[in-house]
């Protein structure tokens, strides 16, 4: 039986709760990723944020704006008009998922990962140890690799 530890990425990119939206956007662009676990100083998982969370946080106030990407100046946050610079300087934890976070452990079977990813439509899952410290991530691509390996091995 294939285990999460056999397919997870161990070199995990994480951000801190106090990181700004702007900081996280830079990480996404530089590392070419679309989501990261948010960890406390000791490495414990306290949230997860995706590019979708950021897009929802900075939706334009005026739907009539034609050039969406070059002219986002004022946006709607909690039904108030807020300047974009205020949003990008806020702490990422305010826009992140912090409750009901799904995760797996290194010893879990890959079937559990497939189950969670397919049921919840997540792109990746944090892998945590018994102390809830992030030790890896596992993505849809890792699952495909697992399935392909089984096919090659004739399982």
Protein backbone atom coordinates (compact mmCIF):
# COMPACT_ATOMS: atom_id res chain seq x y z
CA UNK A 1 0.00 0.00 0.00
CA UNK A 2 1.40 3.38 -1.05
CA UNK A 3 1.73 5.93 1.72
CA UNK A 4 1.54 9.72 1.69
CA UNK A 5 5.22 9.91 2.74
CA UNK A 6 6.21 8.23 -0.54
CA UNK A 7 4.69 11.02 -2.68
CA UNK A 8 4.54 14.18 -0.58
CA UNK A 9 6.72 17.19 -1.25
CA UNK A 10 8.93 17.69 1.81
CA UNK A 11 10.40 21.07 0.90
CA UNK A 12 7.28 23.00 1.86
CA UNK A 13 6.81 26.69 1.18
CA UNK A 14 4.85 28.23 4.05
CA UNK A 15 3.94 31.73 5.20
CA UNK A 16 3.30 33.18 8.66
CA UNK A 17 -0.10 34.48 9.83
CA UNK A 18 1.29 38.03 9.97
CA UNK A 19 2.51 37.91 6.33
CA UNK A 20 0.69 40.50 4.22
CA UNK A 21 -1.49 39.73 1.23
CA UNK A 22 1.19 41.45 -0.85
CA UNK A 23 3.91 39.16 0.60
CA UNK A 24 1.88 36.05 -0.20
CA UNK A 25 1.11 37.24 -3.73
CA UNK A 26 4.87 37.65 -4.26
CA UNK A 27 5.49 34.10 -3.01
CA UNK A 28 2.82 32.74 -5.39
CA UNK A 29 4.39 34.54 -8.36
CA UNK A 30 8.03 33.78 -7.50
CA UNK A 31 7.47 30.11 -6.70
CA UNK A 32 4.78 29.58 -9.38
CA UNK A 33 2.36 28.10 -6.85
CA UNK A 34 -1.30 28.69 -6.07
CA UNK A 35 -1.56 28.00 -2.37
CA UNK A 36 0.42 27.68 0.85
CA UNK A 37 -0.04 26.44 4.38
CA UNK A 38 0.13 29.13 7.05
CA UNK A 39 2.22 28.10 10.02
CA UNK A 40 3.09 29.54 13.40
CA UNK A 41 6.75 30.03 14.39
CA UNK A 42 6.93 26.43 15.65
CA UNK A 43 5.66 25.06 12.33
CA UNK A 44 2.14 24.19 13.49
CA UNK A 45 -0.60 24.54 10.89
CA UNK A 46 -2.95 27.47 11.57
CA UNK A 47 -4.41 28.13 8.13
CA UNK A 48 -4.23 27.66 4.40
CA UNK A 49 -4.54 30.27 1.67
CA UNK A 50 -4.97 29.92 -2.08
CA UNK A 51 -4.83 32.24 -5.04
CA UNK A 52 -8.65 31.99 -5.09
CA UNK A 53 -8.84 33.41 -1.55
CA UNK A 54 -6.77 36.39 -2.65
CA UNK A 55 -8.82 36.93 -5.81
CA UNK A 56 -11.99 36.97 -3.68
CA UNK A 57 -10.35 39.44 -1.27
CA UNK A 58 -9.50 41.93 -4.02
CA UNK A 59 -12.56 41.77 -6.24
CA UNK A 60 -13.15 45.11 -8.00
CA UNK A 61 -15.81 47.37 -6.60
CA UNK A 62 -17.04 48.48 -10.00
CA UNK A 63 -18.07 45.62 -12.31
CA UNK A 64 -18.04 48.04 -15.28
CA UNK A 65 -14.27 48.37 -15.18
CA UNK A 66 -13.14 47.18 -18.62
CA UNK A 67 -9.45 46.62 -18.04
CA UNK A 68 -9.75 44.48 -14.92
CA UNK A 69 -6.06 43.94 -14.27
CA UNK A 70 -4.64 47.40 -14.95
CA UNK A 71 -7.33 49.36 -13.11
CA UNK A 72 -8.19 47.79 -9.77
CA UNK A 73 -8.09 50.79 -7.47
CA UNK A 74 -11.08 50.57 -5.18
CA UNK A 75 -12.58 47.27 -4.10
CA UNK A 76 -15.44 46.08 -1.98
CA UNK A 77 -14.62 44.62 1.42
CA UNK A 78 -17.45 43.88 3.80
CA UNK A 79 -19.65 46.21 1.72
CA UNK A 80 -17.28 49.15 2.21
CA UNK A 81 -15.20 50.90 -0.40
CA UNK A 82 -11.54 50.23 0.41
CA UNK A 83 -8.42 51.19 -1.50
CA UNK A 84 -6.48 48.22 -2.87
CA UNK A 85 -3.33 49.22 -0.93
CA UNK A 86 -5.24 48.69 2.33
CA UNK A 87 -6.06 45.11 1.36
CA UNK A 88 -2.62 44.10 0.15
CA UNK A 89 -1.09 45.31 3.41
CA UNK A 90 -3.48 43.36 5.64
CA UNK A 91 -2.44 40.13 7.33
CA UNK A 92 -3.08 37.08 5.17
CA UNK A 93 -4.67 35.17 8.06
CA UNK A 94 -7.72 37.49 7.73
CA UNK A 95 -8.45 36.01 4.28
CA UNK A 96 -7.28 32.44 4.86
CA UNK A 97 -9.18 29.31 5.73
CA UNK A 98 -8.51 28.68 9.42
CA UNK A 99 -11.29 26.29 10.48
CA UNK A 100 -12.05 22.79 9.24
CA UNK A 101 -8.71 22.49 7.47
CA UNK A 102 -8.30 19.06 5.93
CA UNK A 103 -4.87 17.48 6.29
CA UNK A 104 -3.25 14.05 6.11
CA UNK A 105 -0.35 12.39 7.89
CA UNK A 106 2.73 10.77 6.31
CA UNK A 107 1.56 7.26 7.28
CA UNK A 108 -1.90 7.65 5.70
CA UNK A 109 -2.71 5.62 2.60
CA UNK A 110 -2.85 7.44 -0.72
CA UNK A 111 -6.48 6.35 -1.03
CA UNK A 112 -7.32 8.78 1.78
CA UNK A 113 -5.72 11.61 -0.22
CA UNK A 114 -7.67 10.67 -3.36
CA UNK A 115 -10.86 10.57 -1.32
CA UNK A 116 -10.34 14.02 0.22
CA UNK A 117 -9.13 15.70 -2.98
CA UNK A 118 -12.02 14.35 -5.04
CA UNK A 119 -14.71 15.02 -2.44
CA UNK A 120 -13.64 18.56 -1.56
CA UNK A 121 -12.11 19.66 -4.90
CA UNK A 122 -8.88 20.79 -3.22
CA UNK A 123 -5.71 21.15 -5.28
CA UNK A 124 -3.35 20.22 -2.45
CA UNK A 125 -3.36 19.12 1.16
CA UNK A 126 -0.97 19.87 4.00
CA UNK A 127 0.76 16.85 5.51
CA UNK A 128 1.15 17.16 9.29
CA UNK A 129 2.80 15.09 11.99
CA UNK A 130 1.23 14.13 15.33
CA UNK A 131 2.03 17.59 16.75
CA UNK A 132 0.16 19.26 13.83
CA UNK A 133 3.46 20.56 12.39
CA UNK A 134 3.59 20.81 8.61
CA UNK A 135 6.04 18.22 7.25
CA UNK A 136 4.92 18.21 3.62
CA UNK A 137 2.22 18.88 1.06
CA UNK A 138 0.55 16.54 -1.37
CA UNK A 139 -1.15 17.69 -4.55
CA UNK A 140 -3.34 16.36 -7.33
CA UNK A 141 -0.17 15.94 -9.40
CA UNK A 142 1.31 13.71 -6.71
CA UNK A 143 -1.85 11.59 -6.82
CA UNK A 144 -1.59 11.25 -10.60
CA UNK A 145 2.04 10.17 -10.16
CA UNK A 146 0.88 7.56 -7.65
CA UNK A 147 -1.80 6.21 -10.00
CA UNK A 148 0.61 6.20 -12.96
CA UNK A 149 3.19 4.29 -10.90
CA UNK A 150 0.59 1.66 -10.02
CA UNK A 151 -0.32 1.29 -13.69
CA UNK A 152 3.34 0.93 -14.69
CA UNK A 153 3.89 -1.65 -11.94
CA UNK A 154 0.76 -3.47 -13.07
CA UNK A 155 -0.99 -3.20 -9.72
